[in-house]
N, C-alpha and C. Protein backbone atom coordinates (compact mmCIF):
# COMPACT_ATOMS: atom_id res chain seq x y z
N MET A 1 39.70 -127.11 -153.44
CA MET A 1 40.57 -128.05 -153.70
C MET A 1 39.85 -128.56 -155.30
N GLU A 2 41.17 -128.28 -156.16
CA GLU A 2 40.97 -128.84 -157.54
C GLU A 2 40.24 -130.24 -157.37
N MET A 3 39.80 -130.66 -158.12
CA MET A 3 38.28 -132.15 -158.25
C MET A 3 38.86 -132.86 -159.31
N ASP A 4 39.07 -133.81 -159.65
CA ASP A 4 39.07 -134.44 -161.18
C ASP A 4 38.32 -135.26 -161.10
N ALA A 5 38.24 -136.14 -162.32
CA ALA A 5 36.24 -137.11 -162.62
C ALA A 5 36.94 -138.10 -161.70
N LYS A 6 37.81 -138.86 -161.39
CA LYS A 6 38.26 -139.81 -160.14
C LYS A 6 37.73 -139.52 -158.85
N ASP A 7 37.82 -138.14 -158.08
CA ASP A 7 37.43 -137.50 -157.23
C ASP A 7 36.40 -137.68 -157.26
N ARG A 8 35.88 -137.03 -158.29
CA ARG A 8 33.90 -136.88 -158.08
C ARG A 8 33.19 -137.96 -158.48
N ALA A 9 34.25 -139.20 -158.86
CA ALA A 9 33.36 -140.28 -158.59
C ALA A 9 33.51 -141.39 -157.39
N LEU A 10 34.59 -141.05 -157.00
CA LEU A 10 34.69 -141.46 -155.18
C LEU A 10 33.54 -140.84 -154.16
N LEU A 11 33.60 -139.70 -154.87
CA LEU A 11 32.90 -138.54 -153.79
C LEU A 11 31.55 -139.18 -154.02
N ALA A 12 30.85 -139.65 -155.49
CA ALA A 12 29.51 -140.00 -155.85
C ALA A 12 29.45 -141.30 -154.94
N LEU A 13 30.47 -142.20 -155.10
CA LEU A 13 30.25 -143.32 -154.17
C LEU A 13 30.00 -143.44 -152.58
N LEU A 14 30.87 -142.84 -152.34
CA LEU A 14 30.67 -142.52 -150.94
C LEU A 14 29.37 -141.97 -150.52
N GLU A 15 28.72 -141.20 -151.27
CA GLU A 15 27.12 -140.22 -151.13
C GLU A 15 26.62 -141.26 -151.32
N GLU A 16 26.17 -142.58 -152.06
CA GLU A 16 25.59 -143.39 -152.55
C GLU A 16 25.66 -144.50 -151.36
N ASN A 17 27.04 -144.96 -151.42
CA ASN A 17 27.00 -146.15 -150.05
C ASN A 17 28.45 -145.71 -149.20
N CYS A 18 28.38 -145.04 -148.27
CA CYS A 18 29.64 -144.68 -147.41
C CYS A 18 30.23 -145.94 -146.67
N ARG A 19 29.60 -146.75 -146.62
CA ARG A 19 30.19 -148.79 -146.31
C ARG A 19 30.87 -149.11 -147.14
N LEU A 20 31.23 -148.39 -148.47
CA LEU A 20 32.05 -149.63 -149.42
C LEU A 20 33.48 -149.79 -148.69
N SER A 21 33.77 -150.70 -149.13
CA SER A 21 35.11 -150.71 -148.79
C SER A 21 35.94 -150.08 -149.42
N ASN A 22 37.58 -149.62 -148.75
CA ASN A 22 37.97 -148.74 -149.77
C ASN A 22 38.69 -149.63 -150.93
N ALA A 23 39.02 -150.55 -150.74
CA ALA A 23 39.60 -151.86 -152.14
C ALA A 23 38.27 -151.61 -153.39
N GLU A 24 36.73 -151.90 -152.74
CA GLU A 24 35.93 -152.12 -153.30
C GLU A 24 35.72 -150.24 -154.32
N MET A 25 35.91 -149.58 -153.30
CA MET A 25 36.10 -148.03 -154.28
C MET A 25 37.09 -147.49 -154.98
N ALA A 26 38.24 -148.23 -154.85
CA ALA A 26 39.34 -148.34 -155.56
C ALA A 26 39.18 -149.05 -156.85
N ALA A 27 38.68 -150.33 -156.77
CA ALA A 27 38.50 -150.94 -158.18
C ALA A 27 37.17 -149.97 -158.77
N ARG A 28 36.48 -149.48 -158.41
CA ARG A 28 35.47 -149.25 -159.21
C ARG A 28 35.97 -147.59 -159.62
N VAL A 29 36.56 -147.01 -159.25
CA VAL A 29 37.28 -145.78 -159.72
C VAL A 29 38.71 -146.36 -160.61
N GLY A 30 38.82 -147.27 -160.73
CA GLY A 30 40.37 -147.72 -161.42
C GLY A 30 41.15 -147.20 -161.10
N MET A 31 42.01 -147.41 -159.82
CA MET A 31 42.85 -146.53 -158.85
C MET A 31 43.34 -147.52 -157.80
N SER A 32 44.60 -147.32 -157.29
CA SER A 32 45.12 -148.21 -156.27
C SER A 32 44.15 -147.82 -155.08
N THR A 33 44.57 -148.88 -153.87
CA THR A 33 43.72 -148.72 -152.50
C THR A 33 44.38 -147.53 -151.66
N SER A 34 45.84 -147.46 -151.69
CA SER A 34 46.47 -146.42 -151.39
C SER A 34 46.34 -145.11 -151.65
N ALA A 35 46.00 -144.68 -153.03
CA ALA A 35 46.03 -143.70 -153.58
C ALA A 35 44.44 -142.93 -153.32
N CYS A 36 43.17 -144.21 -153.42
CA CYS A 36 41.80 -143.75 -152.61
C CYS A 36 42.01 -143.26 -151.60
N TRP A 37 42.40 -144.33 -150.60
CA TRP A 37 42.51 -144.08 -149.47
C TRP A 37 42.99 -142.40 -149.13
N ARG A 38 44.33 -142.00 -149.96
CA ARG A 38 44.81 -140.87 -149.58
C ARG A 38 43.45 -139.78 -149.91
N ARG A 39 42.95 -140.14 -150.82
CA ARG A 39 41.95 -138.86 -151.94
C ARG A 39 40.98 -138.95 -150.59
N VAL A 40 40.40 -139.73 -149.77
CA VAL A 40 39.37 -139.93 -149.14
C VAL A 40 39.71 -139.12 -147.96
N ARG A 41 40.92 -139.76 -147.47
CA ARG A 41 41.49 -138.48 -146.11
C ARG A 41 41.58 -137.37 -146.37
N ALA A 42 42.20 -136.72 -147.73
CA ALA A 42 42.02 -135.09 -148.40
C ALA A 42 40.46 -134.68 -148.17
N PHE A 43 39.62 -135.39 -148.81
CA PHE A 43 38.40 -134.63 -148.43
C PHE A 43 38.12 -134.49 -147.41
N GLU A 44 38.44 -135.74 -146.39
CA GLU A 44 37.67 -135.47 -145.34
C GLU A 44 38.41 -133.81 -144.34
N GLU A 45 39.66 -133.96 -144.68
CA GLU A 45 40.30 -132.98 -144.25
C GLU A 45 40.19 -131.70 -144.70
N ALA A 46 40.14 -131.64 -146.13
CA ALA A 46 39.23 -130.43 -146.49
C ALA A 46 37.93 -130.18 -146.29
N GLY A 47 37.12 -130.81 -145.54
CA GLY A 47 35.95 -130.60 -144.96
C GLY A 47 34.83 -130.72 -146.52
N LEU A 48 34.99 -131.37 -147.56
CA LEU A 48 34.28 -132.04 -148.12
C LEU A 48 33.09 -133.09 -147.88
N ILE A 49 33.47 -133.87 -146.75
CA ILE A 49 32.76 -134.70 -146.14
C ILE A 49 32.48 -134.73 -144.85
N LYS A 50 31.41 -133.70 -144.71
CA LYS A 50 30.83 -133.54 -143.40
C LYS A 50 30.54 -134.50 -142.06
N ARG A 51 30.18 -135.90 -142.78
CA ARG A 51 29.29 -136.84 -141.73
C ARG A 51 29.47 -138.08 -142.48
N TYR A 52 29.12 -139.41 -141.80
CA TYR A 52 29.05 -140.54 -142.56
C TYR A 52 27.82 -140.76 -141.81
N GLY A 53 26.98 -141.39 -142.56
CA GLY A 53 25.75 -142.06 -141.76
C GLY A 53 24.87 -142.94 -142.80
N ALA A 54 23.79 -142.92 -142.13
CA ALA A 54 22.83 -144.11 -142.72
C ALA A 54 21.27 -143.44 -143.19
N VAL A 55 21.10 -144.20 -144.43
CA VAL A 55 19.59 -144.00 -145.03
C VAL A 55 18.72 -144.69 -144.38
N LEU A 56 17.66 -144.42 -143.61
CA LEU A 56 16.58 -145.22 -142.73
C LEU A 56 15.33 -145.30 -143.68
N ASP A 57 14.84 -146.74 -143.50
CA ASP A 57 13.51 -147.07 -144.23
C ASP A 57 12.69 -146.27 -143.28
N ARG A 58 12.02 -145.09 -143.39
CA ARG A 58 11.11 -144.52 -142.61
C ARG A 58 9.91 -145.60 -142.37
N ALA A 59 9.45 -145.65 -143.58
CA ALA A 59 8.08 -146.47 -143.59
C ALA A 59 8.05 -147.52 -142.57
N ALA A 60 9.47 -148.80 -143.12
CA ALA A 60 9.34 -149.77 -142.18
C ALA A 60 10.01 -149.63 -140.80
N MET A 61 9.83 -148.33 -140.41
CA MET A 61 9.92 -147.66 -139.29
C MET A 61 8.64 -147.47 -138.34
N GLY A 62 7.47 -147.61 -139.34
CA GLY A 62 6.32 -146.77 -138.52
C GLY A 62 6.20 -145.35 -138.88
N MET A 63 6.87 -145.00 -139.73
CA MET A 63 7.23 -142.89 -140.02
C MET A 63 6.56 -143.03 -141.39
N ASP A 64 5.36 -143.29 -141.67
CA ASP A 64 4.45 -143.84 -142.86
C ASP A 64 4.22 -142.22 -143.45
N PHE A 65 4.19 -141.13 -142.54
CA PHE A 65 3.71 -139.77 -142.87
C PHE A 65 4.81 -138.61 -143.08
N HIS A 66 4.74 -138.57 -144.41
CA HIS A 66 5.71 -137.54 -145.25
C HIS A 66 5.17 -136.51 -145.83
N ALA A 67 5.98 -135.35 -145.79
CA ALA A 67 4.98 -133.81 -146.29
C ALA A 67 6.26 -133.18 -146.52
N ILE A 68 5.75 -131.93 -147.53
CA ILE A 68 6.64 -130.59 -147.34
C ILE A 68 6.15 -129.72 -146.89
N VAL A 69 6.40 -128.72 -145.78
CA VAL A 69 5.76 -127.74 -145.56
C VAL A 69 5.92 -126.62 -145.80
N HIS A 70 5.40 -125.51 -146.18
CA HIS A 70 5.80 -124.61 -146.65
C HIS A 70 5.46 -123.48 -145.46
N VAL A 71 6.78 -123.08 -144.43
CA VAL A 71 6.17 -121.95 -143.66
C VAL A 71 6.69 -120.43 -143.80
N GLN A 72 5.78 -119.83 -143.45
CA GLN A 72 5.65 -118.51 -143.74
C GLN A 72 6.00 -117.37 -142.04
N LEU A 73 6.55 -116.33 -142.42
CA LEU A 73 7.05 -115.45 -140.58
C LEU A 73 6.06 -114.58 -141.26
N HIS A 74 5.80 -114.31 -139.39
CA HIS A 74 5.11 -113.15 -139.60
C HIS A 74 5.65 -111.83 -140.00
N ARG A 75 7.16 -111.76 -139.58
CA ARG A 75 7.51 -110.64 -139.99
C ARG A 75 9.51 -111.09 -139.75
N HIS A 76 10.02 -110.60 -140.64
CA HIS A 76 11.30 -111.29 -140.84
C HIS A 76 12.52 -110.39 -139.65
N ASP A 77 12.01 -111.02 -138.19
CA ASP A 77 12.89 -110.37 -136.84
C ASP A 77 13.94 -111.53 -136.81
N ALA A 78 15.12 -110.98 -136.61
CA ALA A 78 15.80 -111.74 -136.31
C ALA A 78 15.96 -112.25 -135.17
N ASP A 79 15.34 -112.39 -133.94
CA ASP A 79 15.60 -112.93 -132.46
C ASP A 79 14.05 -113.88 -132.86
N GLN A 80 13.20 -113.79 -134.03
CA GLN A 80 11.98 -114.54 -133.85
C GLN A 80 12.41 -116.04 -134.87
N GLY A 81 13.10 -115.22 -135.68
CA GLY A 81 13.71 -116.20 -136.84
C GLY A 81 14.75 -117.07 -136.12
N GLN A 82 15.56 -116.88 -135.08
CA GLN A 82 16.77 -118.12 -134.18
C GLN A 82 15.74 -118.72 -133.57
N ALA A 83 14.73 -118.17 -132.78
CA ALA A 83 14.22 -118.97 -132.26
C ALA A 83 13.44 -120.02 -132.98
N PHE A 84 13.41 -119.83 -133.66
CA PHE A 84 12.27 -120.87 -135.18
C PHE A 84 12.78 -121.94 -134.96
N ASN A 85 14.18 -121.84 -135.38
CA ASN A 85 15.34 -122.38 -136.01
C ASN A 85 15.62 -123.19 -135.27
N ARG A 86 16.10 -122.82 -133.80
CA ARG A 86 16.70 -123.26 -132.87
C ARG A 86 15.35 -124.70 -132.12
N ALA A 87 14.23 -124.44 -132.06
CA ALA A 87 13.14 -124.71 -131.96
C ALA A 87 12.89 -126.00 -133.21
N VAL A 88 13.12 -125.87 -134.36
CA VAL A 88 13.19 -126.91 -135.41
C VAL A 88 14.04 -127.92 -135.38
N ARG A 89 15.47 -127.36 -134.70
CA ARG A 89 16.19 -128.14 -134.96
C ARG A 89 16.18 -129.20 -133.68
N LEU A 90 15.61 -129.05 -132.93
CA LEU A 90 15.19 -130.31 -131.47
C LEU A 90 13.70 -130.64 -131.70
N ARG A 91 13.26 -130.59 -132.74
CA ARG A 91 11.52 -131.57 -133.34
C ARG A 91 12.14 -132.80 -134.57
N GLU A 92 12.19 -133.76 -133.52
CA GLU A 92 12.21 -135.54 -134.14
C GLU A 92 11.38 -135.12 -135.70
N GLU A 93 10.28 -134.84 -135.69
CA GLU A 93 9.59 -135.10 -136.88
C GLU A 93 10.00 -134.24 -138.22
N VAL A 94 10.92 -132.91 -137.97
CA VAL A 94 11.29 -132.57 -139.06
C VAL A 94 13.17 -133.03 -139.06
N ARG A 95 12.81 -133.39 -140.34
CA ARG A 95 14.05 -134.19 -141.32
C ARG A 95 15.08 -133.73 -141.34
N ASP A 96 14.25 -132.40 -142.50
CA ASP A 96 15.14 -131.27 -143.33
C ASP A 96 14.24 -129.78 -142.97
N CYS A 97 15.28 -128.72 -143.10
CA CYS A 97 14.93 -127.42 -142.81
C CYS A 97 15.57 -126.80 -144.00
N TYR A 98 15.17 -126.30 -144.34
CA TYR A 98 15.53 -124.90 -145.79
C TYR A 98 14.81 -123.45 -144.99
N ALA A 99 15.60 -122.75 -145.07
CA ALA A 99 15.57 -121.65 -145.52
C ALA A 99 15.38 -120.93 -146.63
N THR A 100 14.15 -120.34 -147.46
CA THR A 100 14.24 -120.09 -148.78
C THR A 100 13.68 -118.64 -149.12
N THR A 101 13.73 -118.66 -150.57
CA THR A 101 13.65 -116.86 -151.19
C THR A 101 12.26 -117.48 -151.78
N GLY A 102 11.57 -116.61 -152.09
CA GLY A 102 10.07 -117.01 -152.45
C GLY A 102 8.89 -116.74 -151.30
N GLU A 103 7.98 -117.20 -151.82
CA GLU A 103 6.74 -116.96 -151.28
C GLU A 103 6.84 -117.35 -149.61
N ALA A 104 7.39 -118.78 -149.21
CA ALA A 104 7.54 -119.45 -148.05
C ALA A 104 9.37 -118.86 -147.71
N ASP A 105 9.38 -118.60 -146.57
CA ASP A 105 10.21 -118.42 -145.81
C ASP A 105 11.02 -119.75 -145.78
N TYR A 106 10.13 -120.48 -144.86
CA TYR A 106 11.07 -121.75 -144.61
C TYR A 106 10.13 -123.28 -145.35
N HIS A 107 11.05 -124.13 -145.82
CA HIS A 107 10.98 -125.49 -146.13
C HIS A 107 11.23 -126.65 -145.32
N LEU A 108 9.99 -127.53 -144.47
CA LEU A 108 10.10 -128.27 -143.77
C LEU A 108 9.65 -129.66 -144.24
N ARG A 109 10.66 -130.86 -144.44
CA ARG A 109 10.44 -131.99 -144.31
C ARG A 109 10.32 -132.95 -143.32
N VAL A 110 8.80 -133.07 -143.08
CA VAL A 110 8.52 -133.59 -141.99
C VAL A 110 7.72 -135.28 -142.13
N ARG A 111 8.46 -135.93 -141.07
CA ARG A 111 7.93 -137.50 -141.10
C ARG A 111 7.31 -137.51 -139.76
N CYS A 112 6.33 -138.20 -139.79
CA CYS A 112 5.38 -138.40 -138.29
C CYS A 112 4.76 -139.88 -138.71
N ALA A 113 4.42 -140.44 -137.55
CA ALA A 113 3.72 -141.84 -137.73
C ALA A 113 2.77 -142.01 -138.71
N ASP A 114 1.97 -141.03 -138.75
CA ASP A 114 0.58 -140.78 -139.05
C ASP A 114 0.02 -139.47 -139.41
N LEU A 115 -0.83 -139.31 -140.08
CA LEU A 115 -1.59 -138.24 -140.15
C LEU A 115 -2.05 -137.44 -138.85
N ALA A 116 -2.43 -138.56 -137.42
CA ALA A 116 -2.84 -137.82 -136.26
C ALA A 116 -1.43 -137.36 -135.69
N ALA A 117 -0.48 -138.12 -135.83
CA ALA A 117 0.53 -137.42 -135.31
C ALA A 117 0.86 -136.14 -135.75
N TYR A 118 0.92 -136.21 -137.24
CA TYR A 118 1.46 -134.70 -138.11
C TYR A 118 0.38 -133.49 -137.45
N ASN A 119 -0.57 -133.76 -137.40
CA ASN A 119 -2.03 -133.25 -136.97
C ASN A 119 -0.98 -132.18 -135.30
N ARG A 120 -0.54 -133.45 -134.53
CA ARG A 120 -0.27 -132.92 -133.03
C ARG A 120 0.82 -132.18 -133.36
N PHE A 121 2.14 -132.41 -134.55
CA PHE A 121 2.82 -131.82 -134.66
C PHE A 121 2.98 -130.50 -135.24
N LEU A 122 1.34 -130.37 -135.48
CA LEU A 122 1.30 -128.96 -136.15
C LEU A 122 0.37 -128.20 -134.85
N GLU A 123 0.02 -128.78 -134.73
CA GLU A 123 -0.96 -127.82 -133.13
C GLU A 123 -0.38 -127.67 -132.18
N GLU A 124 0.74 -128.63 -131.67
CA GLU A 124 1.52 -128.55 -130.61
C GLU A 124 2.58 -127.64 -130.58
N PHE A 125 3.37 -127.60 -131.99
CA PHE A 125 4.46 -127.02 -131.96
C PHE A 125 4.34 -125.75 -133.40
N LEU A 126 4.14 -125.76 -134.19
CA LEU A 126 4.12 -124.98 -135.50
C LEU A 126 2.96 -124.29 -135.41
N PHE A 127 1.54 -124.35 -135.03
CA PHE A 127 0.91 -123.02 -134.98
C PHE A 127 0.90 -122.46 -133.51
N ARG A 128 1.59 -123.47 -132.46
CA ARG A 128 1.86 -122.17 -131.36
C ARG A 128 3.66 -121.49 -131.39
N SER A 129 3.82 -121.66 -132.58
CA SER A 129 5.19 -120.74 -132.38
C SER A 129 5.13 -119.43 -132.66
N PRO A 130 5.15 -118.35 -132.01
CA PRO A 130 4.79 -116.95 -132.55
C PRO A 130 5.63 -116.46 -133.66
N ALA A 131 6.28 -116.75 -134.35
CA ALA A 131 6.98 -116.40 -135.93
C ALA A 131 6.58 -117.08 -136.80
N VAL A 132 5.45 -117.97 -137.05
CA VAL A 132 4.60 -118.81 -137.58
C VAL A 132 3.75 -117.96 -137.78
N ARG A 133 3.21 -117.73 -139.06
CA ARG A 133 2.21 -116.82 -140.03
C ARG A 133 1.30 -117.84 -140.36
N SER A 134 1.80 -118.69 -141.53
CA SER A 134 1.06 -119.93 -141.92
C SER A 134 1.93 -121.00 -142.41
N ALA A 135 1.20 -122.00 -142.51
CA ALA A 135 2.10 -123.10 -142.78
C ALA A 135 0.92 -124.20 -143.99
N GLN A 136 1.63 -124.44 -145.30
CA GLN A 136 0.89 -125.31 -145.76
C GLN A 136 1.94 -126.24 -146.20
N THR A 137 0.94 -127.36 -146.39
CA THR A 137 1.20 -129.05 -146.40
C THR A 137 1.15 -129.31 -147.95
N ASN A 138 2.27 -130.12 -148.15
CA ASN A 138 1.88 -130.83 -149.22
C ASN A 138 2.83 -132.46 -148.86
N VAL A 139 1.74 -133.41 -149.39
CA VAL A 139 1.76 -134.79 -148.79
C VAL A 139 2.58 -135.38 -149.90
N ILE A 140 3.98 -135.98 -149.42
CA ILE A 140 4.42 -136.49 -150.20
C ILE A 140 3.65 -138.01 -150.35
N LEU A 141 3.46 -138.26 -151.66
CA LEU A 141 2.59 -139.56 -152.25
C LEU A 141 3.82 -140.69 -152.34
N ARG A 142 4.90 -140.58 -152.87
CA ARG A 142 5.71 -141.39 -152.85
C ARG A 142 6.98 -141.02 -153.49
N ASP A 143 8.45 -141.45 -153.22
CA ASP A 143 9.46 -141.23 -153.55
C ASP A 143 10.00 -141.31 -154.71
N ILE A 144 10.23 -140.48 -155.24
CA ILE A 144 10.99 -140.49 -157.17
C ILE A 144 12.32 -141.21 -157.11
N LYS A 145 13.03 -140.08 -156.28
CA LYS A 145 14.48 -140.18 -156.39
C LYS A 145 14.71 -139.56 -154.56
N GLY A 146 15.67 -140.09 -153.91
CA GLY A 146 16.39 -140.26 -152.65
C GLY A 146 16.21 -141.19 -152.01
């Protein structure tokens, strides 16, 4: 799909706040409401918009522990990797999971209530996974952008 500056501006608005009304988005990018609606529908039909959602304040919800976990696998066995992927998808604590290049095979963004809950996540899940060789945790001190 070929995109112009207005398309990129609409997508940025939707990514920032998907609850903006069609009229508000149209006014912000300088187009009619009908043209705005047609473009957003075209984005949806083209698969540019995967889903709409809400960004939650996890700290306000009592999820105060936030970390990036760098996971190395024992070996790159397809069955173990797929089993690890399935297990990670089921864990509520894992907010994002990326298979990456470099020293770590996976990078997980993890949210828990506190350090004790994170320790349980490590001991009851991550360290019990047969695929996992090691995990290194970087605690997030504060959000700069996100």
